Amino acid sequence: MPEIQYKLNTGEFFNNEKQKVPTVGEYALVSFKLHEKERKETTKFDYEISLRLHILPTFGDKKLSHIKPSDIALWQNKLLEKLTPRRVRNIRATFNGIFLDALRDEIIQKNPISLVKAPKLNRIESKSFSLDEIEQIIKNAEGDLKAFVALGFFTGMRSGEMIGLKWEDVDFENREISIKRTIKMGSITSPKTKNSIRTIDMIDQLVPYMKEQYKRTGDKKSYVFLNSNGEHYYDIKRIRNTRWKNLLKKLNMEYRTIYQMRHSFATVMIENGEDILWVSHMLGHADSSMTLQMYAKYKKNKNKKRATFLGNFLTNDTL
């Protein structure tokens, strides 16, 4: 008690209490350790990049309890000068997870990130391919790239899902494809979300390309797309940075990412009147509202008469 009284009188007691609050850098290691079993390898990699490149340089040596909402807001604004809103939101998620763990451990009393609005996401810029362009791309693709682009344009699958597809997932009899895994940066994991684990239709236009691809790799009883060494692709950049880019250059088309095959599938199907629920399921979205928010654009058609199904309902005779 005399020792405690002495520390109280000199202020040493309170200094020691403050020293018990870890810095962001110190507690980040604890937070990451808490979640190492539940996070996918790709998620852990992304979180580590966010921490090392964007969080620690500004907050690494600061105590968790000393960070104010204004600090977060200024940091976020600086990030937005060089990064997209979506990327900044991902970095925020990493930092937010650290604060939430500290809050649960009663190290801090409030989460400063919760008091700062996340940046708004920009609408996806429409760079979809037209039907004529899609036809030219598929027609001019060589080898297994032909089946690859046909699969992308006719299903809307994510690129990681395509290189993660195995022949055991392809049902020619029922014309269905089961999506069970994705590959990114060499890591084989389950698809992006719960809804991404799905069984989709193999439409008629896709069947001949898949059958042709089966002649190439089907006897391996392995992945649908294999590299020159007979192994699955470890990341989509192996296709994107060479064969995809060269194909577009050959056709004198503006470069667009492989993701735009998925975008093109969605926009073409919706604009041509396909059932939005079917399109949403094909994409692996949680519900159709997400699909509409991301892809649908209302195009006024002056020549189309609306609500014709009402017929003579409420005609002048009934008014």
C-alpha atoms as a PDB file:
ATOM      1  CA  MET A   1       0.000   0.000   0.000  1.00  0.00           C
ATOM      2  CA  PRO A   2       2.766   2.537   0.806  1.00  0.00           C
ATOM      3  CA  GLU A   3       4.314   1.763  -2.578  1.00  0.00           C
ATOM      4  CA  ILE A   4       0.982   2.290  -4.359  1.00  0.00           C
ATOM      5  CA  GLN A   5       0.420   5.503  -2.386  1.00  0.00           C
ATOM      6  CA  TYR A   6       3.839   6.729  -3.422  1.00  0.00           C
ATOM      7  CA  LYS A   7       3.167   5.954  -7.094  1.00  0.00           C
ATOM      8  CA  LEU A   8      -0.186   7.753  -6.856  1.00  0.00           C
ATOM      9  CA  ASN A   9       1.441  10.851  -5.355  1.00  0.00           C
ATOM     10  CA  THR A  10       4.228  10.937  -7.956  1.00  0.00           C
ATOM     11  CA  GLY A  11       1.995  10.072 -10.921  1.00  0.00           C
ATOM     12  CA  GLU A  12       4.037   6.955 -11.667  1.00  0.00           C
ATOM     13  CA  PHE A  13       0.955   4.740 -11.157  1.00  0.00           C
ATOM     14  CA  PHE A  14      -0.953   6.444 -13.948  1.00  0.00           C
ATOM     15  CA  ASN A  15       2.049   6.361 -16.261  1.00  0.00           C
ATOM     16  CA  ASN A  16       2.334   2.626 -15.754  1.00  0.00           C
ATOM     17  CA  GLU A  17      -1.369   2.215 -16.516  1.00  0.00           C
ATOM     18  CA  LYS A  18      -0.932   4.119 -19.763  1.00  0.00           C
ATOM     19  CA  GLN A  19       2.004   1.948 -20.703  1.00  0.00           C
ATOM     20  CA  LYS A  20      -0.253  -1.112 -20.523  1.00  0.00           C
ATOM     21  CA  VAL A  21      -2.139   0.098 -23.598  1.00  0.00           C
ATOM     22  CA  PRO A  22      -0.356  -1.460 -26.594  1.00  0.00           C
ATOM     23  CA  THR A  23       0.516   0.316 -29.786  1.00  0.00           C
ATOM     24  CA  VAL A  24      -1.281  -0.461 -33.025  1.00  0.00           C
ATOM     25  CA  GLY A  25       1.741  -2.418 -34.220  1.00  0.00           C
ATOM     26  CA  GLU A  26       1.885  -4.506 -31.051  1.00  0.00           C
ATOM     27  CA  TYR A  27      -1.805  -5.309 -30.845  1.00  0.00           C
ATOM     28  CA  ALA A  28      -2.150  -5.985 -34.584  1.00  0.00           C
ATOM     29  CA  LEU A  29      -0.042  -9.107 -34.058  1.00  0.00           C
ATOM     30  CA  VAL A  30      -2.433 -10.256 -31.332  1.00  0.00           C
ATOM     31  CA  SER A  31      -5.496  -9.486 -33.452  1.00  0.00           C
ATOM     32  CA  PHE A  32      -4.166 -11.371 -36.462  1.00  0.00           C
ATOM     33  CA  LYS A  33      -3.301 -14.347 -34.255  1.00  0.00           C
ATOM     34  CA  LEU A  34      -6.864 -14.437 -32.892  1.00  0.00           C
ATOM     35  CA  HIS A  35      -8.306 -14.891 -36.384  1.00  0.00           C
ATOM     36  CA  GLU A  36      -5.651 -16.969 -38.132  1.00  0.00           C
ATOM     37  CA  LYS A  37      -7.786 -20.137 -38.127  1.00  0.00           C
ATOM     38  CA  GLU A  38     -10.952 -18.563 -39.510  1.00  0.00           C
ATOM     39  CA  ARG A  39      -9.533 -16.405 -42.292  1.00  0.00           C
ATOM     40  CA  LYS A  40      -8.674 -17.647 -45.764  1.00  0.00           C
ATOM     41  CA  GLU A  41      -5.060 -17.450 -46.847  1.00  0.00           C
ATOM     42  CA  THR A  42      -5.924 -14.813 -49.442  1.00  0.00           C
ATOM     43  CA  THR A  43      -7.703 -12.717 -46.790  1.00  0.00           C
ATOM     44  CA  LYS A  44      -4.752 -12.985 -44.411  1.00  0.00           C
ATOM     45  CA  PHE A  45      -2.398 -11.955 -47.199  1.00  0.00           C
ATOM     46  CA  ASP A  46      -4.548  -8.937 -48.072  1.00  0.00           C
ATOM     47  CA  TYR A  47      -4.819  -7.897 -44.401  1.00  0.00           C
ATOM     48  CA  GLU A  48      -1.060  -8.164 -43.950  1.00  0.00           C
ATOM     49  CA  ILE A  49      -0.477  -5.972 -47.018  1.00  0.00           C
ATOM     50  CA  SER A  50      -2.989  -3.402 -45.741  1.00  0.00           C
ATOM     51  CA  LEU A  51      -1.328  -3.362 -42.336  1.00  0.00           C
ATOM     52  CA  ARG A  52       2.242  -3.099 -43.585  1.00  0.00           C
ATOM     53  CA  LEU A  53       1.739  -0.573 -46.375  1.00  0.00           C
ATOM     54  CA  HIS A  54      -1.136   1.599 -45.175  1.00  0.00           C
ATOM     55  CA  ILE A  55      -1.702   1.323 -41.419  1.00  0.00           C
ATOM     56  CA  LEU A  56       1.645   0.885 -39.681  1.00  0.00           C
ATOM     57  CA  PRO A  57       3.412   3.799 -41.440  1.00  0.00           C
ATOM     58  CA  THR A  58       0.893   6.213 -39.873  1.00  0.00           C
ATOM     59  CA  PHE A  59      -0.285   4.492 -36.680  1.00  0.00           C
ATOM     60  CA  GLY A  60       2.234   1.736 -35.932  1.00  0.00           C
ATOM     61  CA  ASP A  61       3.853   3.425 -32.905  1.00  0.00           C
ATOM     62  CA  LYS A  62       0.677   5.064 -31.592  1.00  0.00           C
ATOM     63  CA  LYS A  63      -1.172   3.645 -28.619  1.00  0.00           C
ATOM     64  CA  LEU A  64      -4.653   2.392 -29.472  1.00  0.00           C
ATOM     65  CA  SER A  65      -6.259   4.677 -26.911  1.00  0.00           C
ATOM     66  CA  HIS A  66      -4.617   7.790 -28.369  1.00  0.00           C
ATOM     67  CA  ILE A  67      -6.160   7.536 -31.834  1.00  0.00           C
ATOM     68  CA  LYS A  68      -9.059   9.925 -32.439  1.00  0.00           C
ATOM     69  CA  PRO A  69     -11.766   9.916 -35.114  1.00  0.00           C
ATOM     70  CA  SER A  70     -10.145  13.007 -36.645  1.00  0.00           C
ATOM     71  CA  ASP A  71      -6.901  11.027 -37.036  1.00  0.00           C
ATOM     72  CA  ILE A  72      -8.815   8.322 -38.890  1.00  0.00           C
ATOM     73  CA  ALA A  73     -10.596  10.845 -41.117  1.00  0.00           C
ATOM     74  CA  LEU A  74      -7.355  12.595 -42.108  1.00  0.00           C
ATOM     75  CA  TRP A  75      -5.645   9.247 -42.765  1.00  0.00           C
ATOM     76  CA  GLN A  76      -8.575   8.048 -44.864  1.00  0.00           C
ATOM     77  CA  ASN A  77      -8.597  11.242 -46.932  1.00  0.00           C
ATOM     78  CA  LYS A  78      -4.910  10.815 -47.650  1.00  0.00           C
ATOM     79  CA  LEU A  79      -5.445   7.236 -48.795  1.00  0.00           C
ATOM     80  CA  LEU A  80      -8.206   8.347 -51.150  1.00  0.00           C
ATOM     81  CA  GLU A  81      -5.730  10.564 -52.970  1.00  0.00           C
ATOM     82  CA  LYS A  82      -3.980   7.492 -54.379  1.00  0.00           C
ATOM     83  CA  LEU A  83      -6.335   4.529 -53.871  1.00  0.00           C
ATOM     84  CA  THR A  84      -9.867   3.659 -54.973  1.00  0.00           C
ATOM     85  CA  PRO A  85     -12.743   3.917 -52.486  1.00  0.00           C
ATOM     86  CA  ARG A  86     -13.150   0.123 -52.586  1.00  0.00           C
ATOM     87  CA  ARG A  87      -9.506  -0.428 -51.679  1.00  0.00           C
ATOM     88  CA  VAL A  88      -9.703   2.124 -48.859  1.00  0.00           C
ATOM     89  CA  ARG A  89     -12.776   0.333 -47.488  1.00  0.00           C
ATOM     90  CA  ASN A  90     -10.809  -2.918 -47.455  1.00  0.00           C
ATOM     91  CA  ILE A  91      -7.960  -1.267 -45.570  1.00  0.00           C
ATOM     92  CA  ARG A  92     -10.491   0.191 -43.117  1.00  0.00           C
ATOM     93  CA  ALA A  93     -11.844  -3.311 -42.538  1.00  0.00           C
ATOM     94  CA  THR A  94      -8.386  -4.484 -41.524  1.00  0.00           C
ATOM     95  CA  PHE A  95      -7.946  -1.592 -39.084  1.00  0.00           C
ATOM     96  CA  ASN A  96     -11.507  -1.933 -37.808  1.00  0.00           C
ATOM     97  CA  GLY A  97     -10.911  -5.589 -36.931  1.00  0.00           C
ATOM     98  CA  ILE A  98      -7.946  -4.594 -34.766  1.00  0.00           C
ATOM     99  CA  PHE A  99      -9.995  -1.981 -32.906  1.00  0.00           C
ATOM    100  CA  LEU A 100     -12.928  -4.373 -32.387  1.00  0.00           C
ATOM    101  CA  ASP A 101     -10.635  -6.971 -30.808  1.00  0.00           C
ATOM    102  CA  ALA A 102      -9.132  -4.294 -28.554  1.00  0.00           C
ATOM    103  CA  LEU A 103     -12.638  -3.191 -27.600  1.00  0.00           C
ATOM    104  CA  ARG A 104     -13.616  -6.744 -26.657  1.00  0.00           C
ATOM    105  CA  ASP A 105     -10.442  -7.045 -24.589  1.00  0.00           C
ATOM    106  CA  GLU A 106     -11.410  -3.779 -22.835  1.00  0.00           C
ATOM    107  CA  ILE A 107      -8.139  -2.179 -23.871  1.00  0.00           C
ATOM    108  CA  ILE A 108     -10.039   0.770 -25.342  1.00  0.00           C
ATOM    109  CA  GLN A 109     -13.460   2.251 -24.586  1.00  0.00           C
ATOM    110  CA  LYS A 110     -14.513   3.196 -28.110  1.00  0.00           C
ATOM    111  CA  ASN A 111     -13.744   2.410 -31.704  1.00  0.00           C
ATOM    112  CA  PRO A 112     -12.717   5.612 -33.538  1.00  0.00           C
ATOM    113  CA  ILE A 113     -13.309   4.080 -36.982  1.00  0.00           C
ATOM    114  CA  SER A 114     -17.004   3.600 -36.199  1.00  0.00           C
ATOM    115  CA  LEU A 115     -17.344   7.389 -35.938  1.00  0.00           C
ATOM    116  CA  VAL A 116     -15.934   8.055 -39.425  1.00  0.00           C
ATOM    117  CA  LYS A 117     -17.979   7.329 -42.537  1.00  0.00           C
ATOM    118  CA  ALA A 118     -16.509   4.907 -45.022  1.00  0.00           C
ATOM    119  CA  PRO A 119     -15.916   6.336 -48.507  1.00  0.00           C
ATOM    120  CA  LYS A 120     -18.744   5.821 -50.969  1.00  0.00           C
ATOM    121  CA  LEU A 121     -18.165   3.272 -53.677  1.00  0.00           C
ATOM    122  CA  ASN A 122     -18.094   4.458 -57.249  1.00  0.00           C
ATOM    123  CA  ARG A 123     -20.532   2.797 -59.608  1.00  0.00           C
ATOM    124  CA  ILE A 124     -18.880   0.222 -61.794  1.00  0.00           C
ATOM    125  CA  GLU A 125     -17.807   1.940 -65.002  1.00  0.00           C
ATOM    126  CA  SER A 126     -19.415   0.179 -67.913  1.00  0.00           C
ATOM    127  CA  LYS A 127     -16.683  -1.213 -70.121  1.00  0.00           C
ATOM    128  CA  SER A 128     -18.549  -4.303 -71.146  1.00  0.00           C
ATOM    129  CA  PHE A 129     -17.914  -5.934 -74.496  1.00  0.00           C
ATOM    130  CA  SER A 130     -20.602  -5.802 -77.155  1.00  0.00           C
ATOM    131  CA  LEU A 131     -22.005  -9.004 -78.642  1.00  0.00           C
ATOM    132  CA  ASP A 132     -19.941  -8.400 -81.793  1.00  0.00           C
ATOM    133  CA  GLU A 133     -16.776  -7.991 -79.723  1.00  0.00           C
ATOM    134  CA  ILE A 134     -17.553 -11.115 -77.709  1.00  0.00           C
ATOM    135  CA  GLU A 135     -17.969 -13.067 -80.941  1.00  0.00           C
ATOM    136  CA  GLN A 136     -14.644 -11.767 -82.264  1.00  0.00           C
ATOM    137  CA  ILE A 137     -12.797 -12.575 -79.037  1.00  0.00           C
ATOM    138  CA  ILE A 138     -14.085 -16.151 -78.868  1.00  0.00           C
ATOM    139  CA  LYS A 139     -13.527 -16.704 -82.591  1.00  0.00           C
ATOM    140  CA  ASN A 140      -9.909 -15.523 -82.502  1.00  0.00           C
ATOM    141  CA  ALA A 141      -8.845 -17.075 -79.194  1.00  0.00           C
ATOM    142  CA  GLU A 142      -6.490 -20.011 -79.641  1.00  0.00           C
ATOM    143  CA  GLY A 143      -6.133 -23.292 -77.781  1.00  0.00           C
ATOM    144  CA  ASP A 144      -7.717 -23.525 -74.349  1.00  0.00           C
ATOM    145  CA  LEU A 145      -8.092 -19.741 -74.250  1.00  0.00           C
ATOM    146  CA  LYS A 146     -11.112 -20.194 -76.539  1.00  0.00           C
ATOM    147  CA  ALA A 147     -12.944 -22.291 -73.935  1.00  0.00           C
ATOM    148  CA  PHE A 148     -11.747 -19.966 -71.184  1.00  0.00           C
ATOM    149  CA  VAL A 149     -13.234 -16.801 -72.716  1.00  0.00           C
ATOM    150  CA  ALA A 150     -16.403 -18.651 -73.736  1.00  0.00           C
ATOM    151  CA  LEU A 151     -16.818 -19.794 -70.127  1.00  0.00           C
ATOM    152  CA  GLY A 152     -16.338 -16.243 -68.864  1.00  0.00           C
ATOM    153  CA  PHE A 153     -18.710 -14.590 -71.318  1.00  0.00           C
ATOM    154  CA  PHE A 154     -21.429 -17.263 -71.108  1.00  0.00           C
ATOM    155  CA  THR A 155     -21.528 -17.818 -67.309  1.00  0.00           C
ATOM    156  CA  GLY A 156     -20.260 -14.663 -65.584  1.00  0.00           C
ATOM    157  CA  MET A 157     -17.946 -16.760 -63.407  1.00  0.00           C
ATOM    158  CA  ARG A 158     -15.148 -14.977 -61.563  1.00  0.00           C
ATOM    159  CA  SER A 159     -11.684 -15.556 -62.986  1.00  0.00           C
ATOM    160  CA  GLY A 160     -10.511 -17.356 -59.847  1.00  0.00           C
ATOM    161  CA  GLU A 161     -13.520 -19.650 -60.060  1.00  0.00           C
ATOM    162  CA  MET A 162     -12.683 -20.492 -63.681  1.00  0.00           C
ATOM    163  CA  ILE A 163      -9.084 -21.512 -63.048  1.00  0.00           C
ATOM    164  CA  GLY A 164     -10.308 -23.404 -59.963  1.00  0.00           C
ATOM    165  CA  LEU A 165     -12.849 -25.433 -61.957  1.00  0.00           C
ATOM    166  CA  LYS A 166     -12.350 -29.210 -62.131  1.00  0.00           C
ATOM    167  CA  TRP A 167     -13.891 -31.650 -64.577  1.00  0.00           C
ATOM    168  CA  GLU A 168     -15.709 -33.341 -61.711  1.00  0.00           C
ATOM    169  CA  ASP A 169     -17.655 -30.064 -61.377  1.00  0.00           C
ATOM    170  CA  VAL A 170     -18.851 -30.178 -65.001  1.00  0.00           C
ATOM    171  CA  ASP A 171     -22.024 -32.172 -65.697  1.00  0.00           C
ATOM    172  CA  PHE A 172     -22.535 -32.477 -69.456  1.00  0.00           C
ATOM    173  CA  GLU A 173     -25.632 -34.669 -69.068  1.00  0.00           C
ATOM    174  CA  ASN A 174     -27.575 -32.101 -67.039  1.00  0.00           C
ATOM    175  CA  ARG A 175     -25.646 -29.191 -68.525  1.00  0.00           C
ATOM    176  CA  GLU A 176     -24.633 -27.788 -65.162  1.00  0.00           C
ATOM    177  CA  ILE A 177     -21.440 -26.459 -63.619  1.00  0.00           C
ATOM    178  CA  SER A 178     -20.840 -26.606 -59.864  1.00  0.00           C
ATOM    179  CA  ILE A 179     -18.657 -23.849 -58.443  1.00  0.00           C
ATOM    180  CA  LYS A 180     -16.891 -25.086 -55.316  1.00  0.00           C
ATOM    181  CA  ARG A 181     -13.495 -23.409 -55.201  1.00  0.00           C
ATOM    182  CA  THR A 182     -11.434 -20.452 -56.326  1.00  0.00           C
ATOM    183  CA  ILE A 183      -7.709 -19.941 -56.836  1.00  0.00           C
ATOM    184  CA  LYS A 184      -5.874 -16.729 -56.082  1.00  0.00           C
ATOM    185  CA  MET A 185      -2.138 -16.182 -55.638  1.00  0.00           C
ATOM    186  CA  GLY A 186      -1.587 -19.921 -55.441  1.00  0.00           C
ATOM    187  CA  SER A 187      -4.117 -20.427 -52.676  1.00  0.00           C
ATOM    188  CA  ILE A 188      -7.034 -22.807 -53.296  1.00  0.00           C
ATOM    189  CA  THR A 189     -10.006 -21.806 -51.150  1.00  0.00           C
ATOM    190  CA  SER A 190     -13.783 -21.833 -51.129  1.00  0.00           C
ATOM    191  CA  PRO A 191     -15.483 -19.190 -53.306  1.00  0.00           C
ATOM    192  CA  LYS A 192     -15.764 -15.560 -52.270  1.00  0.00           C
ATOM    193  CA  THR A 193     -19.044 -15.806 -50.310  1.00  0.00           C
ATOM    194  CA  LYS A 194     -21.560 -18.425 -49.188  1.00  0.00           C
ATOM    195  CA  ASN A 195     -23.753 -17.572 -52.177  1.00  0.00           C
ATOM    196  CA  SER A 196     -20.792 -18.001 -54.495  1.00  0.00           C
ATOM    197  CA  ILE A 197     -20.916 -21.752 -53.863  1.00  0.00           C
ATOM    198  CA  ARG A 198     -23.510 -22.567 -56.489  1.00  0.00           C
ATOM    199  CA  THR A 199     -24.554 -24.734 -59.428  1.00  0.00           C
ATOM    200  CA  ILE A 200     -25.130 -22.810 -62.630  1.00  0.00           C
ATOM    201  CA  ASP A 201     -26.469 -23.579 -66.101  1.00  0.00           C
ATOM    202  CA  MET A 202     -24.208 -24.500 -68.987  1.00  0.00           C
ATOM    203  CA  ILE A 203     -26.107 -22.710 -71.746  1.00  0.00           C
ATOM    204  CA  ASP A 204     -26.247 -24.257 -75.211  1.00  0.00           C
ATOM    205  CA  GLN A 205     -23.750 -21.795 -76.687  1.00  0.00           C
ATOM    206  CA  LEU A 206     -21.099 -22.866 -74.174  1.00  0.00           C
ATOM    207  CA  VAL A 207     -21.410 -26.652 -74.526  1.00  0.00           C
ATOM    208  CA  PRO A 208     -19.312 -27.150 -77.713  1.00  0.00           C
ATOM    209  CA  TYR A 209     -16.417 -25.124 -76.294  1.00  0.00           C
ATOM    210  CA  MET A 210     -16.414 -27.131 -73.062  1.00  0.00           C
ATOM    211  CA  LYS A 211     -16.529 -30.408 -74.980  1.00  0.00           C
ATOM    212  CA  GLU A 212     -13.588 -29.292 -77.101  1.00  0.00           C
ATOM    213  CA  GLN A 213     -11.678 -28.396 -73.944  1.00  0.00           C
ATOM    214  CA  TYR A 214     -12.493 -31.823 -72.490  1.00  0.00           C
ATOM    215  CA  LYS A 215     -10.544 -33.366 -75.380  1.00  0.00           C
ATOM    216  CA  ARG A 216      -7.502 -31.385 -74.220  1.00  0.00           C
ATOM    217  CA  THR A 217      -7.500 -31.953 -70.462  1.00  0.00           C
ATOM    218  CA  GLY A 218     -10.382 -34.297 -69.628  1.00  0.00           C
ATOM    219  CA  ASP A 219      -8.201 -37.408 -69.456  1.00  0.00           C
ATOM    220  CA  LYS A 220      -6.181 -35.803 -66.641  1.00  0.00           C
ATOM    221  CA  LYS A 221      -9.277 -35.954 -64.393  1.00  0.00           C
ATOM    222  CA  SER A 222      -8.048 -32.749 -62.849  1.00  0.00           C
ATOM    223  CA  TYR A 223      -8.597 -29.058 -63.531  1.00  0.00           C
ATOM    224  CA  VAL A 224     -10.346 -27.861 -66.676  1.00  0.00           C
ATOM    225  CA  PHE A 225      -7.541 -25.410 -67.499  1.00  0.00           C
ATOM    226  CA  LEU A 226      -3.945 -26.555 -67.207  1.00  0.00           C
ATOM    227  CA  ASN A 227      -0.725 -24.727 -68.018  1.00  0.00           C
ATOM    228  CA  SER A 228       2.073 -26.001 -70.252  1.00  0.00           C
ATOM    229  CA  ASN A 229       3.408 -28.089 -67.353  1.00  0.00           C
ATOM    230  CA  GLY A 230       0.090 -29.868 -66.909  1.00  0.00           C
ATOM    231  CA  GLU A 231      -0.637 -28.011 -63.663  1.00  0.00           C
ATOM    232  CA  HIS A 232      -3.514 -25.751 -62.712  1.00  0.00           C
ATOM    233  CA  TYR A 233      -2.981 -22.000 -62.973  1.00  0.00           C
ATOM    234  CA  TYR A 234      -1.793 -20.525 -59.685  1.00  0.00           C
ATOM    235  CA  ASP A 235      -3.172 -17.072 -60.385  1.00  0.00           C
ATOM    236  CA  ILE A 236      -5.215 -15.402 -63.090  1.00  0.00           C
ATOM    237  CA  LYS A 237      -2.364 -12.997 -63.883  1.00  0.00           C
ATOM    238  CA  ARG A 238      -0.643 -15.863 -65.735  1.00  0.00           C
ATOM    239  CA  ILE A 239      -3.431 -15.610 -68.330  1.00  0.00           C
ATOM    240  CA  ARG A 240      -4.304 -11.926 -67.937  1.00  0.00           C
ATOM    241  CA  ASN A 241      -0.863 -10.431 -68.437  1.00  0.00           C
ATOM    242  CA  THR A 242       0.017 -12.440 -71.530  1.00  0.00           C
ATOM    243  CA  ARG A 243      -2.583 -14.303 -73.562  1.00  0.00           C
ATOM    244  CA  TRP A 244      -5.589 -12.114 -72.703  1.00  0.00           C
ATOM    245  CA  LYS A 245      -3.717  -8.854 -73.251  1.00  0.00           C
ATOM    246  CA  ASN A 246      -2.187 -10.110 -76.507  1.00  0.00           C
ATOM    247  CA  LEU A 247      -5.569 -11.248 -77.821  1.00  0.00           C
ATOM    248  CA  LEU A 248      -7.160  -7.832 -77.325  1.00  0.00           C
ATOM    249  CA  LYS A 249      -4.134  -6.161 -78.898  1.00  0.00           C
ATOM    250  CA  LYS A 250      -4.379  -8.495 -81.886  1.00  0.00           C
ATOM    251  CA  LEU A 251      -8.044  -7.528 -82.359  1.00  0.00           C
ATOM    252  CA  ASN A 252      -7.208  -3.829 -81.915  1.00  0.00           C
ATOM    253  CA  MET A 253      -9.613  -3.606 -78.955  1.00  0.00           C
ATOM    254  CA  GLU A 254      -9.246  -1.297 -75.979  1.00  0.00           C
ATOM    255  CA  TYR A 255      -7.675  -3.189 -73.087  1.00  0.00           C
ATOM    256  CA  ARG A 256     -10.179  -4.276 -70.476  1.00  0.00           C
ATOM    257  CA  THR A 257      -9.606  -6.549 -67.513  1.00  0.00           C
ATOM    258  CA  ILE A 258     -10.673 -10.185 -67.502  1.00  0.00           C
ATOM    259  CA  TYR A 259     -13.310  -9.160 -64.944  1.00  0.00           C
ATOM    260  CA  GLN A 260     -15.131  -7.404 -67.793  1.00  0.00           C
ATOM    261  CA  MET A 261     -16.192 -10.817 -69.128  1.00  0.00           C
ATOM    262  CA  ARG A 262     -18.292 -11.196 -65.980  1.00  0.00           C
ATOM    263  CA  HIS A 263     -19.537  -7.636 -66.322  1.00  0.00           C
ATOM    264  CA  SER A 264     -20.394  -8.220 -69.981  1.00  0.00           C
ATOM    265  CA  PHE A 265     -22.379 -11.351 -69.171  1.00  0.00           C
ATOM    266  CA  ALA A 266     -24.481  -9.468 -66.628  1.00  0.00           C
ATOM    267  CA  THR A 267     -25.150  -6.373 -68.729  1.00  0.00           C
ATOM    268  CA  VAL A 268     -25.882  -8.253 -71.962  1.00  0.00           C
ATOM    269  CA  MET A 269     -28.283 -10.655 -70.257  1.00  0.00           C
ATOM    270  CA  ILE A 270     -30.154  -7.932 -68.375  1.00  0.00           C
ATOM    271  CA  GLU A 271     -30.361  -5.558 -71.329  1.00  0.00           C
ATOM    272  CA  ASN A 272     -31.836  -8.352 -73.438  1.00  0.00           C
ATOM    273  CA  GLY A 273     -34.573  -9.188 -70.963  1.00  0.00           C
ATOM    274  CA  GLU A 274     -33.215 -12.283 -69.187  1.00  0.00           C
ATOM    275  CA  ASP A 275     -34.733 -13.087 -65.792  1.00  0.00           C
ATOM    276  CA  ILE A 276     -32.872 -11.009 -63.201  1.00  0.00           C
ATOM    277  CA  LEU A 277     -33.184 -13.793 -60.626  1.00  0.00           C
ATOM    278  CA  TRP A 278     -31.431 -16.198 -63.003  1.00  0.00           C
ATOM    279  CA  VAL A 279     -28.669 -13.675 -63.753  1.00  0.00           C
ATOM    280  CA  SER A 280     -28.202 -13.032 -60.034  1.00  0.00           C
ATOM    281  CA  HIS A 281     -27.881 -16.758 -59.323  1.00  0.00           C
ATOM    282  CA  MET A 282     -25.405 -17.239 -62.155  1.00  0.00           C
ATOM    283  CA  LEU A 283     -23.240 -14.461 -60.689  1.00  0.00           C
ATOM    284  CA  GLY A 284     -23.473 -15.821 -57.147  1.00  0.00           C
ATOM    285  CA  HIS A 285     -25.025 -12.682 -55.687  1.00  0.00           C
ATOM    286  CA  ALA A 286     -26.922 -12.810 -52.405  1.00  0.00           C
ATOM    287  CA  ASP A 287     -30.058 -11.421 -54.054  1.00  0.00           C
ATOM    288  CA  SER A 288     -31.227  -9.702 -57.223  1.00  0.00           C
ATOM    289  CA  SER A 289     -31.106  -6.235 -55.649  1.00  0.00           C
ATOM    290  CA  MET A 290     -27.316  -6.470 -55.560  1.00  0.00           C
ATOM    291  CA  THR A 291     -27.271  -7.418 -59.230  1.00  0.00           C
ATOM    292  CA  LEU A 292     -29.555  -4.557 -60.220  1.00  0.00           C
ATOM    293  CA  GLN A 293     -27.597  -2.041 -58.166  1.00  0.00           C
ATOM    294  CA  MET A 294     -24.336  -3.047 -59.810  1.00  0.00           C
ATOM    295  CA  TYR A 295     -25.328  -3.661 -63.391  1.00  0.00           C
ATOM    296  CA  ALA A 296     -28.816  -2.657 -64.460  1.00  0.00           C
ATOM    297  CA  LYS A 297     -29.377   0.572 -66.326  1.00  0.00           C
ATOM    298  CA  TYR A 298     -32.828   1.778 -67.287  1.00  0.00           C
ATOM    299  CA  LYS A 299     -33.052   2.486 -71.000  1.00  0.00           C
ATOM    300  CA  LYS A 300     -36.202   4.248 -72.060  1.00  0.00           C
ATOM    301  CA  ASN A 301     -37.851   2.732 -75.103  1.00  0.00           C
ATOM    302  CA  LYS A 302     -40.300   5.203 -76.624  1.00  0.00           C
ATOM    303  CA  ASN A 303     -41.748   2.592 -78.969  1.00  0.00           C
ATOM    304  CA  LYS A 304     -42.624   0.093 -76.242  1.00  0.00           C
ATOM    305  CA  LYS A 305     -46.069   0.281 -74.686  1.00  0.00           C
ATOM    306  CA  ARG A 306     -46.116  -0.390 -70.965  1.00  0.00           C
ATOM    307  CA  ALA A 307     -48.626  -2.372 -68.908  1.00  0.00           C
ATOM    308  CA  THR A 308     -50.320  -3.897 -71.969  1.00  0.00           C
ATOM    309  CA  PHE A 309     -51.315  -6.872 -69.803  1.00  0.00           C
ATOM    310  CA  LEU A 310     -54.027  -4.700 -68.186  1.00  0.00           C
ATOM    311  CA  GLY A 311     -56.039  -4.769 -71.411  1.00  0.00           C
ATOM    312  CA  ASN A 312     -59.334  -2.896 -71.021  1.00  0.00           C
ATOM    313  CA  PHE A 313     -59.076  -2.787 -67.237  1.00  0.00           C
ATOM    314  CA  LEU A 314     -60.702   0.440 -65.974  1.00  0.00           C
ATOM    315  CA  THR A 315     -61.858   1.644 -69.394  1.00  0.00           C
ATOM    316  CA  ASN A 316     -64.079   4.684 -69.827  1.00  0.00           C
ATOM    317  CA  ASP A 317     -67.142   2.480 -69.230  1.00  0.00           C
ATOM    318  CA  THR A 318     -66.008   1.713 -65.701  1.00  0.00           C
ATOM    319  CA  LEU A 319     -64.970   5.224 -64.699  1.00  0.00           C
END
